[in-house]
């Protein structure tokens, strides 16, 4: 394109009925470069926090396999990526000066000839989302660890996963992934993340609780050193320590000795799971009695320890209880509600909350989720929720 002269610019302004006195004296004359095409550049809209990450030299990583919707991860957050179309064409102009920069530089050239290097009609928009962590448990459950004597471990053909492997497969930031590994009580064995087989986990827990009982240690002060000494001949010491970390809170006393305060709720919950896993439904009063007798001396069982693990059916006579684990339910909001309304037609807010709490996005409440995915009505003076759509 031929370079425009000042006279041509003035003539164009006159034709457009614009007053030059109201405009900046510098004029940008744009022309397209020789190889300009759409689709070679992608624009990404970043919030200030993410911009600061990049400016500090840290990476933002796009994660997802071929059949997954891409997410973008910073060190500690996950974002959904969506394409947003714009009505205006966005032009990429290298070295482009903004009006502020032109104002600050009185010696600006009268006419600036700029070449367009590319253009776009859309950009990637980021929305903070929950990390997609359900797959993590699924991968690790393919090959749970059954202990050092297990023959299955020597012959297993299943994949084992390092932190790097999991980061390439799970759509979550590193911090969220490591936090979830802790939540599901995964442990590192020979450099690979593993979940303990539940029966093996119960065997380890039983060793620890029996030792506490025989030594008459207070549940708030279980010594690591003596546990490893006493139980080291039965199981690997790192497994004993792992079970203490899973079911206790670690602390160091004034003399520098390591102790654990055992977590009553978590131990009672695990024993309830063990009792319930072999029964389709259990008479509630019978279950409560067996459960109370099965937990270690000095521990008290309460039904609210079973939130998100078991559900009481108050409508049956006698009342029953059955296993319903939140981690077995779908990760997608609509699918989760479909699944729950398939199990029970009408739910009270108290009963459904443990099964949808993990779906709440940042600053979202359970109430807001129920308003969106369920319909409320009154049943015998109690507010209940049922599906907004027919359940097949």
Protein backbone atom coordinates (compact mmCIF):
# COMPACT_ATOMS: atom_id res chain seq x y z
CA UNK A 1 0.00 0.00 0.00
CA UNK A 2 1.26 3.46 -0.85
CA UNK A 3 2.28 5.65 2.11
CA UNK A 4 -0.32 8.31 2.88
CA UNK A 5 0.68 11.96 2.94
CA UNK A 6 -0.52 14.51 5.51
CA UNK A 7 -2.67 16.17 2.79
CA UNK A 8 -4.46 12.84 2.13
CA UNK A 9 -5.06 12.37 5.85
CA UNK A 10 -6.52 15.90 6.16
CA UNK A 11 -8.77 15.31 3.13
CA UNK A 12 -10.05 12.05 4.70
CA UNK A 13 -10.81 13.89 7.97
CA UNK A 14 -12.74 16.55 6.09
CA UNK A 15 -14.78 13.90 4.20
CA UNK A 16 -15.55 12.22 7.57
CA UNK A 17 -16.62 15.65 8.95
CA UNK A 18 -14.12 15.36 11.83
CA UNK A 19 -12.49 18.40 13.45
CA UNK A 20 -8.67 17.85 13.54
CA UNK A 21 -8.41 20.14 16.60
CA UNK A 22 -10.29 17.53 18.68
CA UNK A 23 -7.88 14.73 17.71
CA UNK A 24 -4.28 13.85 18.61
CA UNK A 25 -1.80 15.27 16.08
CA UNK A 26 -0.21 11.82 15.42
CA UNK A 27 -1.92 9.58 12.85
CA UNK A 28 -1.60 5.79 12.60
CA UNK A 29 -1.67 4.58 9.01
CA UNK A 30 -2.29 0.84 8.99
CA UNK A 31 -1.35 -1.66 6.31
CA UNK A 32 -1.50 -5.48 6.26
CA UNK A 33 1.76 -7.39 6.27
CA UNK A 34 2.50 -9.82 3.41
CA UNK A 35 1.62 -13.06 5.27
CA UNK A 36 -1.27 -11.96 7.47
CA UNK A 37 -3.75 -14.71 8.23
CA UNK A 38 -6.30 -15.46 10.91
CA UNK A 39 -5.82 -18.34 13.35
CA UNK A 40 -2.05 -18.09 13.66
CA UNK A 41 -2.30 -16.18 16.92
CA UNK A 42 -4.51 -16.92 19.92
CA UNK A 43 -5.51 -14.29 22.43
CA UNK A 44 -5.92 -15.21 26.08
CA UNK A 45 -7.65 -12.89 28.53
CA UNK A 46 -5.93 -13.02 31.93
CA UNK A 47 -7.00 -11.68 35.30
CA UNK A 48 -4.30 -9.55 37.04
CA UNK A 49 -3.23 -12.44 39.32
CA UNK A 50 -2.50 -14.74 36.36
CA UNK A 51 -0.73 -11.92 34.50
CA UNK A 52 1.53 -11.48 37.54
CA UNK A 53 2.30 -15.26 37.44
CA UNK A 54 3.58 -14.99 33.86
CA UNK A 55 5.45 -11.75 34.51
CA UNK A 56 7.19 -13.46 37.46
CA UNK A 57 8.42 -16.15 35.03
CA UNK A 58 6.06 -18.91 36.17
CA UNK A 59 4.19 -21.16 33.75
CA UNK A 60 0.52 -21.55 32.94
CA UNK A 61 -0.21 -25.05 31.65
CA UNK A 62 -3.08 -26.28 29.45
CA UNK A 63 -4.16 -29.76 30.57
CA UNK A 64 -6.51 -32.36 29.16
CA UNK A 65 -6.56 -35.48 27.03
CA UNK A 66 -8.14 -35.60 23.57
CA UNK A 67 -11.64 -36.37 24.82
CA UNK A 68 -11.57 -33.72 27.59
CA UNK A 69 -12.48 -30.05 27.52
CA UNK A 70 -9.19 -28.12 27.98
CA UNK A 71 -8.45 -26.36 31.26
CA UNK A 72 -5.64 -23.96 32.11
CA UNK A 73 -3.74 -24.39 35.39
CA UNK A 74 -1.57 -22.03 37.38
CA UNK A 75 0.45 -23.35 40.31
CA UNK A 76 -2.63 -23.51 42.55
CA UNK A 77 -5.80 -22.84 40.50
CA UNK A 78 -7.72 -24.38 37.58
CA UNK A 79 -9.67 -22.47 34.91
CA UNK A 80 -12.15 -23.54 32.23
CA UNK A 81 -11.20 -22.25 28.77
CA UNK A 82 -13.99 -20.95 26.53
CA UNK A 83 -13.78 -19.15 23.19
CA UNK A 84 -15.46 -15.73 23.25
CA UNK A 85 -16.30 -14.14 19.88
CA UNK A 86 -15.96 -10.39 19.40
CA UNK A 87 -17.97 -8.13 17.10
CA UNK A 88 -14.85 -6.01 16.44
CA UNK A 89 -11.85 -7.43 14.63
CA UNK A 90 -8.79 -7.45 16.93
CA UNK A 91 -5.60 -6.36 15.15
CA UNK A 92 -2.06 -7.24 16.28
CA UNK A 93 0.24 -4.27 15.65
CA UNK A 94 3.86 -4.67 16.82
CA UNK A 95 5.25 -1.58 18.56
CA UNK A 96 1.82 0.05 18.56
CA UNK A 97 1.64 3.26 20.62
CA UNK A 98 -1.44 4.02 22.72
CA UNK A 99 -2.94 7.55 22.92
CA UNK A 100 -1.43 7.88 26.43
CA UNK A 101 2.06 7.09 25.09
CA UNK A 102 1.61 9.55 22.21
CA UNK A 103 0.48 12.27 24.60
CA UNK A 104 3.50 11.68 26.82
CA UNK A 105 5.83 12.05 23.82
CA UNK A 106 5.37 15.55 22.29
CA UNK A 107 8.03 14.76 19.65
CA UNK A 108 5.80 11.99 18.19
CA UNK A 109 6.06 11.71 14.46
CA UNK A 110 3.14 13.32 12.63
CA UNK A 111 2.26 10.17 10.64
CA UNK A 112 3.07 6.68 11.98
CA UNK A 113 3.02 3.86 9.44
CA UNK A 114 2.17 0.59 11.21
CA UNK A 115 2.00 -2.88 9.73
CA UNK A 116 -0.65 -5.36 10.96
CA UNK A 117 0.99 -8.69 11.83
CA UNK A 118 -2.24 -10.65 12.44
CA UNK A 119 -5.89 -10.43 13.43
CA UNK A 120 -8.49 -12.36 15.38
CA UNK A 121 -12.26 -12.39 15.83
CA UNK A 122 -12.18 -14.22 19.17
CA UNK A 123 -10.16 -14.82 22.32
CA UNK A 124 -9.92 -17.45 25.08
CA UNK A 125 -11.82 -16.49 28.20
CA UNK A 126 -10.89 -18.12 31.53
CA UNK A 127 -13.34 -19.02 34.28
CA UNK A 128 -12.19 -20.36 37.64
CA UNK A 129 -13.49 -23.93 38.02
CA UNK A 130 -13.22 -26.90 40.36
CA UNK A 131 -10.25 -29.15 39.54
CA UNK A 132 -11.39 -32.38 37.88
CA UNK A 133 -10.09 -34.80 40.49
CA UNK A 134 -12.45 -37.77 40.27
CA UNK A 135 -10.15 -39.45 37.75
CA UNK A 136 -7.31 -39.41 40.32
CA UNK A 137 -8.97 -41.92 42.64
CA UNK A 138 -10.09 -43.98 39.62
CA UNK A 139 -6.50 -44.29 38.32
CA UNK A 140 -5.05 -45.17 41.73
CA UNK A 141 -7.86 -47.65 42.48
CA UNK A 142 -6.92 -49.70 39.39
CA UNK A 143 -4.14 -51.19 41.46
CA UNK A 144 -4.53 -50.62 45.23
CA UNK A 145 -1.59 -51.57 47.43
CA UNK A 146 -2.28 -54.76 49.38
CA UNK A 147 0.95 -54.82 51.41
CA UNK A 148 4.54 -56.01 50.94
CA UNK A 149 3.59 -59.72 50.88
CA UNK A 150 1.02 -59.38 48.10
CA UNK A 151 1.78 -61.58 45.08
CA UNK A 152 -0.56 -59.40 43.02
CA UNK A 153 1.86 -56.47 43.30
CA UNK A 154 4.69 -58.46 41.72
CA UNK A 155 2.56 -59.65 38.78
CA UNK A 156 0.36 -56.55 38.30
CA UNK A 157 0.17 -55.21 34.75
CA UNK A 158 -1.50 -51.97 35.79
CA UNK A 159 0.30 -48.65 35.36
CA UNK A 160 1.84 -46.97 38.37
CA UNK A 161 1.95 -43.19 38.59
CA UNK A 162 4.55 -40.62 39.67
CA UNK A 163 3.57 -36.99 40.45
CA UNK A 164 4.61 -36.03 36.88
CA UNK A 165 2.43 -38.81 35.40
CA UNK A 166 -0.57 -37.63 37.38
CA UNK A 167 -0.02 -33.99 36.42
CA UNK A 168 -0.13 -34.99 32.75
CA UNK A 169 -3.38 -36.96 33.23
CA UNK A 170 -5.39 -35.00 35.81
CA UNK A 171 -6.94 -31.61 35.04
CA UNK A 172 -5.80 -29.80 38.16
CA UNK A 173 -3.02 -27.50 39.31
CA UNK A 174 -0.07 -29.06 41.12
CA UNK A 175 -1.16 -27.67 44.49
CA UNK A 176 -4.75 -28.93 44.09
CA UNK A 177 -3.49 -32.36 42.99
CA UNK A 178 -1.10 -32.75 45.94
CA UNK A 179 -3.82 -31.60 48.33
CA UNK A 180 -6.25 -34.20 46.92
CA UNK A 181 -3.63 -36.97 47.23
CA UNK A 182 -3.53 -36.09 50.92
CA UNK A 183 -7.36 -36.06 51.17
CA UNK A 184 -7.62 -39.58 49.70
CA UNK A 185 -4.76 -40.81 51.93
CA UNK A 186 -2.52 -41.79 49.02
CA UNK A 187 1.08 -42.64 49.88
CA UNK A 188 4.30 -42.79 47.91
CA UNK A 189 5.75 -46.30 47.58
CA UNK A 190 8.99 -46.63 45.57
CA UNK A 191 8.34 -43.20 44.02
CA UNK A 192 4.79 -44.06 42.86
CA UNK A 193 1.52 -42.80 44.34
CA UNK A 194 -0.66 -45.63 45.66
CA UNK A 195 -3.95 -45.99 47.55
CA UNK A 196 -4.02 -48.71 50.18
CA UNK A 197 -6.43 -51.56 49.65
CA UNK A 198 -9.21 -50.98 52.23
CA UNK A 199 -8.76 -54.38 53.91
CA UNK A 200 -5.01 -53.78 54.24
CA UNK A 201 -5.67 -50.28 55.61
CA UNK A 202 -8.04 -51.76 58.23
CA UNK A 203 -5.44 -54.37 59.14
CA UNK A 204 -2.84 -51.62 59.77
CA UNK A 205 -5.34 -49.50 61.74
CA UNK A 206 -6.26 -52.53 63.83
CA UNK A 207 -2.57 -53.15 64.71
CA UNK A 208 -2.28 -49.53 65.88
CA UNK A 209 -5.53 -49.42 67.90
CA UNK A 210 -4.76 -52.76 69.57
CA UNK A 211 -1.31 -51.52 70.56
CA UNK A 212 -2.81 -48.28 71.97
CA UNK A 213 -5.25 -50.42 73.97
CA UNK A 214 -2.64 -52.87 75.30
CA UNK A 215 -0.24 -50.06 76.30
CA UNK A 216 -3.10 -47.94 77.75
CA UNK A 217 -1.84 -44.85 75.89
CA UNK A 218 -4.16 -41.83 75.85
CA UNK A 219 -5.66 -41.40 72.33
CA UNK A 220 -4.29 -37.87 72.31
CA UNK A 221 -0.67 -38.98 72.87
CA UNK A 222 0.42 -41.98 70.78
CA UNK A 223 4.26 -42.14 70.47
CA UNK A 224 5.57 -42.69 66.93
CA UNK A 225 8.88 -44.19 68.06
CA UNK A 226 7.28 -46.93 70.20
CA UNK A 227 4.66 -47.73 67.52
CA UNK A 228 7.42 -48.32 64.94
CA UNK A 229 9.42 -50.39 67.45
CA UNK A 230 6.48 -52.60 68.45
CA UNK A 231 4.83 -53.01 65.04
CA UNK A 232 7.88 -52.87 62.75
CA UNK A 233 8.18 -56.65 62.77
CA UNK A 234 4.56 -57.03 61.53
CA UNK A 235 4.43 -54.38 58.79
CA UNK A 236 6.85 -51.96 57.03
CA UNK A 237 7.60 -48.99 59.29
CA UNK A 238 6.63 -46.48 56.57
CA UNK A 239 3.16 -48.12 56.41
CA UNK A 240 2.74 -47.81 60.20
CA UNK A 241 3.70 -44.13 59.97
CA UNK A 242 1.37 -43.61 56.99
CA UNK A 243 -1.61 -45.03 58.91
CA UNK A 244 -0.80 -42.78 61.88
CA UNK A 245 -0.64 -39.77 59.53
CA UNK A 246 -3.95 -40.78 57.92
CA UNK A 247 -5.82 -41.34 61.19
CA UNK A 248 -4.02 -38.96 63.52
CA UNK A 249 -2.63 -35.44 63.85
CA UNK A 250 1.16 -35.32 64.18
CA UNK A 251 2.83 -33.04 66.74
CA UNK A 252 6.18 -32.73 68.54
CA UNK A 253 6.35 -32.34 72.34
CA UNK A 254 8.75 -30.07 74.27
CA UNK A 255 11.37 -32.84 74.43
CA UNK A 256 11.32 -33.15 70.62
CA UNK A 257 9.51 -36.51 70.59
CA UNK A 258 6.90 -37.15 67.85
CA UNK A 259 3.35 -38.02 68.95
CA UNK A 260 -0.02 -38.47 67.25
CA UNK A 261 -3.44 -37.38 68.45
CA UNK A 262 -5.80 -39.99 66.98
CA UNK A 263 -8.80 -38.66 65.04
CA UNK A 264 -11.83 -40.25 66.64
CA UNK A 265 -14.31 -39.29 63.89
CA UNK A 266 -12.18 -40.71 61.10
CA UNK A 267 -11.49 -44.01 62.91
CA UNK A 268 -15.20 -44.47 63.77
CA UNK A 269 -16.10 -43.68 60.14
CA UNK A 270 -13.64 -46.26 58.74
CA UNK A 271 -14.99 -48.97 61.06
CA UNK A 272 -18.57 -48.12 60.01
CA UNK A 273 -17.54 -48.46 56.36
CA UNK A 274 -16.04 -51.87 57.09
CA UNK A 275 -19.29 -53.02 58.77
CA UNK A 276 -21.55 -51.62 56.04
CA UNK A 277 -19.62 -52.70 52.95
CA UNK A 278 -20.85 -56.31 53.09
CA UNK A 279 -24.54 -55.52 53.64
CA UNK A 280 -27.00 -54.03 51.13
CA UNK A 281 -29.01 -52.52 54.01
CA UNK A 282 -28.51 -52.78 57.74
CA UNK A 283 -31.15 -52.41 60.46
CA UNK A 284 -30.19 -49.02 61.94
CA UNK A 285 -30.48 -49.84 65.66
CA UNK A 286 -28.61 -53.15 65.20
CA UNK A 287 -25.90 -51.39 63.20
CA UNK A 288 -25.46 -48.68 65.85
CA UNK A 289 -25.01 -51.34 68.54
CA UNK A 290 -22.45 -53.39 66.55
CA UNK A 291 -20.61 -50.22 65.55
CA UNK A 292 -20.44 -48.95 69.14
CA UNK A 293 -18.92 -52.27 70.23
CA UNK A 294 -16.42 -52.35 67.33
CA UNK A 295 -14.65 -49.03 67.88
CA UNK A 296 -11.59 -48.70 70.16
CA UNK A 297 -12.13 -48.21 73.89
CA UNK A 298 -12.74 -44.56 74.74
CA UNK A 299 -14.22 -43.60 71.35
CA UNK A 300 -17.83 -42.50 70.85
CA UNK A 301 -19.81 -43.24 67.69
CA UNK A 302 -22.23 -40.65 66.25
CA UNK A 303 -24.25 -40.83 63.04
CA UNK A 304 -22.97 -37.43 61.91
CA UNK A 305 -19.50 -39.04 61.54
CA UNK A 306 -20.96 -40.82 58.47
CA UNK A 307 -21.80 -37.76 56.35
CA UNK A 308 -21.13 -38.52 52.69
CA UNK A 309 -20.48 -42.19 53.51
CA UNK A 310 -23.82 -43.71 54.56
CA UNK A 311 -27.47 -42.77 54.36
CA UNK A 312 -30.25 -43.50 56.83
CA UNK A 313 -33.63 -44.52 55.39
CA UNK A 314 -36.16 -43.12 57.88
CA UNK A 315 -39.14 -44.15 55.74
CA UNK A 316 -38.54 -47.90 56.11
CA UNK A 317 -39.80 -49.82 59.14
CA UNK A 318 -37.55 -50.51 60.99
CA UNK A 319 -35.22 -47.70 59.92
CA UNK A 320 -32.20 -48.87 57.88
CA UNK A 321 -28.76 -47.57 56.93
CA UNK A 322 -26.77 -48.29 53.77
CA UNK A 323 -23.43 -47.32 52.24
CA UNK A 324 -23.53 -44.36 49.81
CA UNK A 325 -20.10 -42.83 49.25
CA UNK A 326 -19.89 -39.34 47.77
CA UNK A 327 -16.73 -40.29 45.85
CA UNK A 328 -18.70 -42.92 43.89
CA UNK A 329 -21.10 -40.28 42.49
CA UNK A 330 -20.60 -38.41 39.16
CA UNK A 331 -18.45 -35.27 39.07
CA UNK A 332 -20.73 -33.29 36.71
CA UNK A 333 -23.40 -31.23 38.54
CA UNK A 334 -26.44 -32.37 36.52
CA UNK A 335 -25.34 -36.02 36.49
CA UNK A 336 -24.77 -35.89 40.26
CA UNK A 337 -28.32 -34.64 40.87
CA UNK A 338 -29.77 -37.20 38.42
CA UNK A 339 -27.93 -39.94 40.29
CA UNK A 340 -29.12 -38.73 43.73
CA UNK A 341 -32.75 -38.37 42.61
CA UNK A 342 -32.49 -41.87 41.12
CA UNK A 343 -31.54 -43.20 44.59
CA UNK A 344 -34.20 -41.22 46.46
CA UNK A 345 -37.05 -39.18 45.00
CA UNK A 346 -37.26 -36.53 47.74
CA UNK A 347 -34.38 -35.25 49.89
CA UNK A 348 -34.20 -32.97 52.90
CA UNK A 349 -31.45 -30.34 52.76
CA UNK A 350 -29.68 -32.00 55.73
CA UNK A 351 -29.52 -35.38 53.93
CA UNK A 352 -28.49 -34.08 50.49
CA UNK A 353 -25.89 -31.49 51.63
CA UNK A 354 -22.97 -33.95 52.21
CA UNK A 355 -23.55 -35.33 48.69
CA UNK A 356 -23.43 -31.97 46.87
CA UNK A 357 -21.17 -29.85 49.11
CA UNK A 358 -18.11 -30.63 46.96
CA UNK A 359 -19.89 -29.29 43.84
CA UNK A 360 -20.05 -25.74 45.24
CA UNK A 361 -17.87 -23.39 43.21
CA UNK A 362 -16.05 -20.49 44.87
CA UNK A 363 -18.48 -18.50 47.08
CA UNK A 364 -21.40 -20.71 45.96
CA UNK A 365 -23.77 -22.12 48.58
CA UNK A 366 -25.61 -25.44 48.74
CA UNK A 367 -28.84 -23.41 48.65
CA UNK A 368 -27.89 -21.86 45.29
CA UNK A 369 -27.12 -25.30 43.84
CA UNK A 370 -30.47 -26.67 45.05
CA UNK A 371 -32.33 -23.70 43.55
CA UNK A 372 -30.71 -24.41 40.17
CA UNK A 373 -30.98 -28.21 40.01
CA UNK A 374 -33.94 -29.13 42.26
CA UNK A 375 -37.52 -28.15 43.03
CA UNK A 376 -38.67 -27.64 46.61
CA UNK A 377 -41.97 -28.56 48.23
CA UNK A 378 -43.30 -29.22 51.73
CA UNK A 379 -43.84 -32.76 53.01
CA UNK A 380 -45.37 -33.16 56.51
CA UNK A 381 -44.14 -29.67 57.40
CA UNK A 382 -40.57 -30.37 56.23
CA UNK A 383 -39.02 -28.75 53.14
CA UNK A 384 -37.91 -31.42 50.64
CA UNK A 385 -36.24 -31.29 47.22
CA UNK A 386 -37.00 -33.35 44.12
CA UNK A 387 -35.76 -33.35 40.53
CA UNK A 388 -36.60 -30.54 38.11
CA UNK A 389 -36.66 -33.09 35.26
CA UNK A 390 -38.14 -36.57 34.95
CA UNK A 391 -35.68 -39.27 36.04
CA UNK A 392 -35.58 -42.19 33.61
